Amino acid sequence: MSKIVTRKARFELEADGFSIHTFEISRRLTKSEWNYCKGKLYDQSKVFSKGCVYKESKGVHRVSRYEANGLRITLEHAHDQEDSRGYYVRMVVNPRKVIDPGASYIGIFPSEKSSIIELQAAFHTLLKRSAFNDQLDDYYLSRVDLCVNIRCDHKKIFREVVRVLRKLPTPPKYKRVSRKEKDKKKANKYNKHYIKFQCGTHSLVIYDKTYQVTEQGLQVDYEDLPEGVLRFEVQYQRSVLRGLEKKLATDNPSELLWHLMQKSEKRICKHFEQCFADVQFCQIEEIEKRITGSKYEDAIKQAMLELTHRMQRKQSVDQVLEEMASEGFTVDDLLRRVHRLGFSPIPLWKNFCAQQIPGPVSLLRMISDGEVVIPYQKMK
C-alpha cells in the first residue's frame, strides 16, 4: 500500500554569489582613429582564415576574432542619434572568459578585488597587439549587468518556479520585452524560460540559465548539468552609470565595477522589492480559501476569484487584467488587494507536489541568508 511522505527541495546560492556577469565598455574615437582600426582589422581578416571583422549594418562593423575570449567588439559610426553622434568602439565583456576562455557561461565574476586586477592584466594581454587600446581604464562603462545564480535540486519544482515567474505582472513604468528571433517557434520556446521588464534606465531579467546553456550549446563546467539554475539580473544602462560616476567622483571603470560588485546583492534585492510584491505562489484551493475568508466586499472577492481562475490558463497577469477590464470588471487596484492577502493570483499547477513556493522577492531575500527549503509530498 502506497503512502505519502514529505520531502524537501532546496534552492541554494551558487558559489560566486551576487556580482557582475557582463558589462559593456565604450570609447569615443576620432574619424582617423576609427578608420585606422577598421583598416587594420580588415587587413588582418585577409590573414586569418575565418576572418575577424564583417559589416553588420550601415556604420556598424562587428569584430568576431575575440568572441571566444569573452569580448564582443563593434566599431560604430553613429549618424542619427542626436546625443551620441560620432565614432565609437564598444566591447561587451564577459570578464570570466577574458581571464579564462575555458570558463563556464553559468559562472559570474567573483566578487573579489583580485578579480579586477586579473581582468586588467588579461584584457591588456589579449589586445596588446590589436587595433584597439589595451588599457581597460581608458574606456568608460556604458552598461553593466548585475546578477545572481540560484540552483534548485528538484527538477519539477524548478520548472514550476520558472512557469509561474514568467506570468508575473509588469511593474509600473516598465514594459515587458520578449526575446525576438527569425525563428518564431524557437523564440516562443525561449520566452517560456525568460522574462524581461525594461524601463528607461535599466532592465530586470529572470530566466532559466540551464535552458539557455543546453539550448545554445554553451560550455558548462559541471560533469552533469545541475537540476536547475535560475538567474536574476539587473541590467544598468549608461544613464545610471553616469549618475554613479558623479556620486563617486570617478569615471574609472575598474573602480566603478568594484563598487557595483560589492553592492550587487543590495541593489538586485532592492530593485526586485520595488517592482514586485512580497507574496507566495499557492495552490488554487488555498487562494480561494484566503479570498473567501477575507474582509473584502463580495464584488471584489468575485473579481479576485475570476482573476486567479483565469490565471490557470493564461500566460500573464497583464493579459487577464486587460481582458477583465474589457468585460466590465473593475480591475483598478485589484492586484494590490490580492497581494495584501499574502499570495500571488498566479496559482500553482493543480495537485502540484508543493503547497507553496516563495515569490521572487522572498526567494532573493532568503537566499542571502542561506538555502531556501520547500517541503513537498511524494507517493512512496
Protein backbone atom coordinates (compact mmCIF):
# COMPACT_ATOMS: atom_id res chain seq x y z
CA MET A 1 0.00 0.00 0.00
CA SER A 2 1.44 3.40 -1.04
CA LYS A 3 1.80 6.24 1.44
CA ILE A 4 2.52 9.96 1.18
CA VAL A 5 5.88 11.13 2.52
CA THR A 6 7.15 14.70 2.94
CA ARG A 7 10.49 15.57 1.37
CA LYS A 8 12.44 18.82 1.00
CA ALA A 9 13.62 20.61 -2.14
CA ARG A 10 16.37 23.20 -1.80
CA PHE A 11 17.33 26.43 -3.52
CA GLU A 12 20.98 27.35 -2.93
CA LEU A 13 23.14 30.30 -3.87
CA GLU A 14 25.80 29.39 -6.41
CA ALA A 15 29.37 29.75 -5.14
CA ASP A 16 30.04 33.09 -6.89
CA GLY A 17 27.18 34.75 -5.00
CA PHE A 18 25.93 38.18 -6.12
CA SER A 19 28.18 40.00 -8.57
CA ILE A 20 28.58 41.06 -12.23
CA HIS A 21 28.25 38.81 -15.24
CA THR A 22 28.63 41.04 -18.29
CA PHE A 23 29.42 44.69 -18.89
CA GLU A 24 30.00 46.96 -21.86
CA ILE A 25 32.84 49.46 -22.20
CA SER A 26 32.95 52.18 -24.84
CA ARG A 27 35.45 54.68 -26.17
CA ARG A 28 34.84 57.59 -28.49
CA LEU A 29 37.21 57.75 -31.44
CA THR A 30 38.27 60.43 -33.87
CA LYS A 31 37.48 59.75 -37.52
CA SER A 32 41.14 58.95 -38.22
CA GLU A 33 41.31 56.52 -35.24
CA TRP A 34 38.13 54.81 -36.41
CA ASN A 35 39.45 54.46 -39.96
CA TYR A 36 42.76 53.13 -38.65
CA CYS A 37 41.02 50.45 -36.53
CA LYS A 38 38.72 49.46 -39.36
CA GLY A 39 41.56 49.31 -41.89
CA LYS A 40 43.82 47.24 -39.65
CA LEU A 41 41.01 44.80 -38.84
CA TYR A 42 40.10 44.24 -42.48
CA ASP A 43 43.79 43.78 -43.32
CA GLN A 44 44.02 41.14 -40.57
CA SER A 45 40.89 39.41 -41.86
CA LYS A 46 42.81 38.55 -45.04
CA VAL A 47 45.35 36.69 -42.89
CA PHE A 48 43.00 34.80 -40.56
CA SER A 49 41.14 32.04 -42.40
CA LYS A 50 37.89 32.60 -40.51
CA GLY A 51 38.09 36.36 -40.82
CA CYS A 52 37.96 38.70 -37.86
CA VAL A 53 35.61 41.52 -38.88
CA TYR A 54 32.50 41.97 -41.00
CA LYS A 55 29.98 44.69 -41.76
CA GLU A 56 26.87 44.05 -39.69
CA SER A 57 24.80 47.04 -40.84
CA LYS A 58 25.25 50.61 -42.01
CA GLY A 59 28.03 52.18 -39.96
CA VAL A 60 28.47 49.07 -37.77
CA HIS A 61 31.33 46.59 -38.09
CA ARG A 62 31.44 43.54 -35.81
CA VAL A 63 34.73 42.00 -34.73
CA SER A 64 34.46 38.25 -34.27
CA ARG A 65 38.10 37.44 -33.58
CA TYR A 66 37.92 37.85 -29.78
CA GLU A 67 34.49 36.37 -29.05
CA ALA A 68 35.90 33.05 -27.80
CA ASN A 69 37.89 35.12 -25.28
CA GLY A 70 34.84 36.90 -23.90
CA LEU A 71 34.94 40.11 -25.98
CA ARG A 72 32.23 41.07 -28.48
CA ILE A 73 33.53 44.19 -30.19
CA THR A 74 31.81 46.58 -32.59
CA LEU A 75 33.02 49.67 -34.40
CA GLU A 76 30.15 52.11 -34.75
CA HIS A 77 29.68 55.29 -36.76
CA ALA A 78 26.53 56.78 -35.24
CA HIS A 79 24.77 59.13 -37.69
CA ASP A 80 21.28 59.58 -36.32
CA GLN A 81 21.46 59.57 -32.51
CA GLU A 82 21.43 63.24 -31.51
CA ASP A 83 23.18 62.65 -28.15
CA SER A 84 25.79 60.15 -29.38
CA ARG A 85 26.80 61.09 -32.89
CA GLY A 86 30.35 60.18 -33.80
CA TYR A 87 32.71 57.21 -33.92
CA TYR A 88 32.89 54.58 -31.19
CA VAL A 89 34.37 51.26 -30.26
CA ARG A 90 32.16 49.21 -27.94
CA MET A 91 33.12 45.99 -26.18
CA VAL A 92 30.70 43.66 -24.43
CA VAL A 93 32.88 41.93 -21.86
CA ASN A 94 32.37 38.58 -20.16
CA PRO A 95 35.11 39.10 -17.53
CA ARG A 96 35.46 35.45 -16.52
CA LYS A 97 36.04 34.39 -20.10
CA VAL A 98 38.53 37.20 -20.70
CA ILE A 99 40.57 35.81 -17.79
CA ASP A 100 39.94 32.16 -18.70
CA PRO A 101 38.40 31.35 -22.13
CA GLY A 102 37.52 27.89 -20.83
CA ALA A 103 35.32 29.29 -18.05
CA SER A 104 31.65 28.37 -17.86
CA TYR A 105 28.93 30.70 -19.12
CA ILE A 106 26.97 29.92 -15.96
CA GLY A 107 29.65 31.35 -13.70
CA ILE A 108 29.84 35.04 -12.83
CA PHE A 109 32.68 37.37 -11.86
CA PRO A 110 33.93 36.50 -8.32
CA SER A 111 33.34 39.48 -6.04
CA GLU A 112 36.98 39.88 -5.01
CA LYS A 113 39.36 42.81 -5.57
CA SER A 114 41.88 40.41 -7.13
CA SER A 115 39.35 39.65 -9.89
CA ILE A 116 39.65 43.24 -11.16
CA ILE A 117 43.45 43.04 -11.26
CA GLU A 118 43.30 39.73 -13.15
CA LEU A 119 40.84 41.24 -15.62
CA GLN A 120 43.02 44.30 -16.30
CA ALA A 121 46.03 42.06 -16.97
CA ALA A 122 44.14 39.63 -19.20
CA PHE A 123 42.49 42.48 -21.16
CA HIS A 124 45.94 44.03 -21.81
CA THR A 125 47.42 40.68 -22.92
CA LEU A 126 44.51 39.97 -25.24
CA LEU A 127 44.56 43.34 -27.03
CA LYS A 128 48.19 44.49 -26.83
CA ARG A 129 48.89 43.64 -30.50
CA SER A 130 45.44 44.59 -31.72
CA ALA A 131 43.99 47.70 -33.35
CA PHE A 132 42.42 48.68 -30.01
CA ASN A 133 43.54 50.42 -26.83
CA ASP A 134 44.60 47.63 -24.45
CA GLN A 135 44.03 49.50 -21.17
CA LEU A 136 40.66 48.73 -19.60
CA ASP A 137 40.55 52.00 -17.68
CA ASP A 138 40.92 54.10 -20.85
CA TYR A 139 37.31 53.24 -21.70
CA TYR A 140 34.07 54.21 -19.92
CA LEU A 141 31.31 51.91 -18.69
CA SER A 142 28.22 52.02 -20.91
CA ARG A 143 26.32 49.01 -19.50
CA VAL A 144 26.66 46.68 -16.51
CA ASP A 145 24.67 43.52 -15.74
CA LEU A 146 24.45 42.62 -12.06
CA CYS A 147 23.31 39.07 -11.42
CA VAL A 148 22.96 36.10 -9.13
CA ASN A 149 22.56 32.39 -9.89
CA ILE A 150 20.33 30.24 -7.69
CA ARG A 151 20.37 26.46 -8.04
CA CYS A 152 17.42 24.16 -7.31
CA ASP A 153 17.95 20.44 -6.69
CA HIS A 154 14.41 19.36 -7.68
CA LYS A 155 13.60 19.44 -11.39
CA LYS A 156 9.79 19.51 -11.09
CA ILE A 157 9.76 22.32 -8.51
CA PHE A 158 12.32 24.29 -10.53
CA ARG A 159 10.17 24.04 -13.67
CA GLU A 160 7.12 25.22 -11.75
CA VAL A 161 9.01 28.22 -10.39
CA VAL A 162 10.02 29.16 -13.95
CA ARG A 163 6.41 28.71 -15.17
CA VAL A 164 4.79 30.94 -12.55
CA LEU A 165 7.51 33.62 -12.68
CA ARG A 166 7.03 34.20 -16.39
CA LYS A 167 3.38 35.16 -15.69
CA LEU A 168 4.36 37.99 -13.31
CA PRO A 169 2.65 41.36 -13.82
CA THR A 170 4.61 44.14 -15.49
CA PRO A 171 5.73 46.69 -12.85
CA PRO A 172 4.57 50.32 -13.24
CA LYS A 173 6.76 52.39 -15.61
CA TYR A 174 8.25 49.22 -17.16
CA LYS A 175 7.41 47.37 -20.34
CA ARG A 176 7.69 43.67 -20.93
CA VAL A 177 10.24 42.71 -23.59
CA SER A 178 10.24 39.34 -25.32
CA ARG A 179 13.18 37.64 -26.98
CA LYS A 180 12.92 38.05 -30.76
CA GLU A 181 14.44 35.74 -33.38
CA LYS A 182 13.81 34.96 -37.04
CA ASP A 183 12.59 31.52 -36.00
CA LYS A 184 9.36 32.45 -34.16
CA LYS A 185 8.81 28.92 -32.85
CA LYS A 186 12.27 28.96 -31.31
CA ALA A 187 11.67 32.45 -29.86
CA ASN A 188 8.34 31.38 -28.30
CA LYS A 189 10.04 28.38 -26.74
CA TYR A 190 12.83 30.57 -25.35
CA ASN A 191 10.33 33.07 -23.91
CA LYS A 192 8.82 30.32 -21.79
CA HIS A 193 12.12 30.34 -19.90
CA TYR A 194 12.86 34.07 -19.99
CA ILE A 195 11.19 37.23 -18.68
CA LYS A 196 12.43 40.81 -19.06
CA PHE A 197 10.99 44.10 -17.82
CA GLN A 198 12.56 47.30 -19.15
CA CYS A 199 12.40 50.97 -18.26
CA GLY A 200 14.48 53.91 -19.46
CA THR A 201 17.43 53.37 -17.13
CA HIS A 202 17.63 49.62 -16.52
CA SER A 203 16.05 46.21 -17.07
CA LEU A 204 15.07 43.39 -14.72
CA VAL A 205 15.55 39.88 -16.07
CA ILE A 206 14.67 36.43 -14.70
CA TYR A 207 15.47 33.34 -16.69
CA ASP A 208 16.25 29.65 -16.68
CA LYS A 209 20.01 29.60 -17.22
CA THR A 210 20.02 25.80 -17.53
CA TYR A 211 17.73 26.01 -20.56
CA GLN A 212 19.94 28.64 -22.18
CA VAL A 213 23.17 26.66 -21.88
CA THR A 214 21.61 23.46 -23.20
CA GLU A 215 19.62 25.16 -26.00
CA GLN A 216 22.55 27.25 -27.23
CA GLY A 217 25.21 24.61 -26.62
CA LEU A 218 27.21 26.84 -24.28
CA GLN A 219 30.00 25.30 -22.29
CA VAL A 220 29.22 24.22 -18.74
CA ASP A 221 31.99 23.20 -16.37
CA TYR A 222 29.88 20.67 -14.46
CA GLU A 223 30.19 16.97 -15.30
CA ASP A 224 26.41 16.76 -15.10
CA LEU A 225 24.11 19.69 -15.72
CA PRO A 226 22.52 20.91 -12.47
CA GLU A 227 18.81 20.29 -11.99
CA GLY A 228 18.07 23.97 -12.49
CA VAL A 229 19.85 27.33 -12.33
CA LEU A 230 17.67 30.41 -12.04
CA ARG A 231 19.30 33.75 -12.82
CA PHE A 232 18.16 37.18 -11.62
CA GLU A 233 19.71 40.16 -13.41
CA VAL A 234 19.62 43.94 -13.18
CA GLN A 235 20.97 45.49 -16.39
CA TYR A 236 22.09 49.10 -15.96
CA GLN A 237 22.20 51.46 -18.94
CA ARG A 238 24.59 54.37 -19.38
CA SER A 239 22.38 56.95 -17.58
CA VAL A 240 22.61 55.01 -14.28
CA LEU A 241 26.37 54.64 -14.63
CA ARG A 242 26.77 58.33 -15.42
CA GLY A 243 24.94 59.12 -12.18
CA LEU A 244 27.20 56.72 -10.29
CA GLU A 245 30.27 58.41 -11.78
CA LYS A 246 29.08 61.75 -10.39
CA LYS A 247 28.25 60.26 -7.00
CA LEU A 248 31.64 58.56 -6.62
CA ALA A 249 33.56 61.36 -8.39
CA THR A 250 35.26 58.92 -10.76
CA ASP A 251 34.72 57.54 -14.25
CA ASN A 252 37.35 54.82 -13.82
CA PRO A 253 35.75 51.52 -14.97
CA SER A 254 37.72 49.34 -12.53
CA GLU A 255 36.67 51.45 -9.54
CA LEU A 256 33.04 51.52 -10.66
CA LEU A 257 32.98 47.76 -11.31
CA TRP A 258 34.43 47.04 -7.86
CA HIS A 259 31.84 49.31 -6.24
CA LEU A 260 28.99 47.57 -8.10
CA MET A 261 30.34 44.11 -7.29
CA GLN A 262 30.32 44.96 -3.59
CA LYS A 263 26.83 46.49 -3.77
CA SER A 264 25.31 43.95 -6.18
CA GLU A 265 23.33 41.98 -3.59
CA LYS A 266 21.77 45.09 -2.07
CA ARG A 267 20.99 46.59 -5.48
CA ILE A 268 19.46 43.43 -7.00
CA CYS A 269 17.25 42.80 -3.97
CA LYS A 270 16.17 46.44 -3.80
CA HIS A 271 15.11 46.61 -7.46
CA PHE A 272 13.01 43.45 -7.23
CA GLU A 273 11.47 44.60 -3.92
CA GLN A 274 10.45 47.89 -5.52
CA CYS A 275 8.82 46.18 -8.51
CA PHE A 276 7.14 43.05 -7.15
CA ALA A 277 5.00 42.25 -4.15
CA ASP A 278 6.48 40.06 -1.42
CA VAL A 279 3.99 37.23 -1.82
CA GLN A 280 3.89 33.44 -2.16
CA PHE A 281 2.67 31.24 -5.00
CA CYS A 282 -0.03 28.90 -3.66
CA GLN A 283 -2.36 26.19 -4.89
CA ILE A 284 -5.78 27.27 -6.13
CA GLU A 285 -7.62 25.85 -3.09
CA GLU A 286 -5.50 27.95 -0.71
CA ILE A 287 -6.06 31.07 -2.82
CA GLU A 288 -9.83 30.53 -2.87
CA LYS A 289 -9.83 29.96 0.90
CA ARG A 290 -7.97 33.22 1.58
CA ILE A 291 -10.16 35.24 -0.77
CA THR A 292 -13.49 33.93 0.53
CA GLY A 293 -12.30 34.36 4.14
CA SER A 294 -11.13 37.93 3.60
CA LYS A 295 -13.00 41.09 4.65
CA TYR A 296 -13.35 42.44 1.13
CA GLU A 297 -16.79 43.18 -0.36
CA ASP A 298 -18.42 40.38 -2.34
CA ALA A 299 -17.93 42.12 -5.69
CA ILE A 300 -14.19 42.48 -5.02
CA LYS A 301 -13.95 38.85 -3.89
CA GLN A 302 -15.69 37.76 -7.08
CA ALA A 303 -13.24 39.76 -9.22
CA MET A 304 -10.29 38.27 -7.30
CA LEU A 305 -11.59 34.73 -7.84
CA GLU A 306 -12.13 35.45 -11.52
CA LEU A 307 -8.57 36.73 -11.85
CA THR A 308 -6.97 33.73 -10.22
CA HIS A 309 -9.16 31.19 -12.08
CA ARG A 310 -8.24 32.73 -15.42
CA MET A 311 -4.57 32.68 -14.44
CA GLN A 312 -4.69 28.87 -14.53
CA ARG A 313 -4.92 29.11 -18.34
CA LYS A 314 -3.46 32.48 -19.37
CA GLN A 315 0.18 33.42 -19.90
CA SER A 316 0.36 36.71 -17.97
CA VAL A 317 -1.43 38.73 -15.30
CA ASP A 318 -1.36 41.73 -17.67
CA GLN A 319 -3.35 39.82 -20.28
CA VAL A 320 -6.03 38.72 -17.81
CA LEU A 321 -6.49 42.17 -16.26
CA GLU A 322 -6.88 43.66 -19.73
CA GLU A 323 -9.49 41.05 -20.67
CA MET A 324 -11.43 41.54 -17.45
CA ALA A 325 -11.44 45.34 -17.84
CA SER A 326 -12.86 44.98 -21.37
CA GLU A 327 -15.65 42.81 -19.93
CA GLY A 328 -16.68 45.40 -17.36
CA PHE A 329 -14.84 44.16 -14.27
CA THR A 330 -13.34 46.82 -12.00
CA VAL A 331 -9.66 45.96 -12.03
CA ASP A 332 -8.15 49.19 -10.69
CA ASP A 333 -6.26 48.30 -7.51
CA LEU A 334 -7.38 44.64 -7.80
CA LEU A 335 -3.86 43.25 -7.91
CA ARG A 336 -2.72 45.23 -4.88
CA ARG A 337 -5.72 43.98 -2.91
CA VAL A 338 -4.89 40.37 -3.81
CA HIS A 339 -1.28 40.90 -2.76
CA ARG A 340 -2.40 42.28 0.60
CA LEU A 341 -3.62 38.76 1.40
CA GLY A 342 -0.05 37.47 1.03
CA PHE A 343 -0.29 35.48 -2.18
CA SER A 344 0.05 35.87 -5.93
CA PRO A 345 -3.03 35.42 -8.12
CA ILE A 346 -0.91 33.01 -10.21
CA PRO A 347 -1.80 29.53 -8.89
CA LEU A 348 0.48 26.52 -8.88
CA TRP A 349 -0.48 23.54 -11.03
CA LYS A 350 -3.48 21.67 -9.62
CA ASN A 351 -2.35 18.86 -7.31
CA PHE A 352 1.23 20.09 -7.51
CA CYS A 353 3.58 18.33 -5.07
CA ALA A 354 4.31 21.52 -3.06
CA GLN A 355 1.64 23.62 -1.35
CA GLN A 356 3.57 26.88 -1.54
CA ILE A 357 6.59 28.39 -3.33
CA PRO A 358 8.26 31.72 -2.47
CA GLY A 359 7.88 34.64 -4.88
CA PRO A 360 10.93 36.42 -6.34
CA VAL A 361 11.25 38.97 -3.51
CA SER A 362 11.27 36.45 -0.67
CA LEU A 363 13.40 33.99 -2.67
CA LEU A 364 16.13 36.62 -3.13
CA ARG A 365 15.89 37.78 0.48
CA MET A 366 16.02 34.27 1.94
CA ILE A 367 18.78 33.03 -0.37
CA SER A 368 21.02 35.77 1.02
CA ASP A 369 20.73 34.16 4.46
CA GLY A 370 21.25 30.59 3.27
CA GLU A 371 19.40 27.84 1.46
CA VAL A 372 15.65 28.04 0.87
CA VAL A 373 13.81 24.83 1.77
CA ILE A 374 10.48 23.92 0.15
CA PRO A 375 8.57 20.95 1.61
CA TYR A 376 6.78 18.75 -0.94
CA GLN A 377 4.89 15.48 -0.88
CA LYS A 378 5.67 12.28 -2.74
CA MET A 379 3.96 8.91 -3.05
CA LYS A 380 6.10 6.06 -1.79
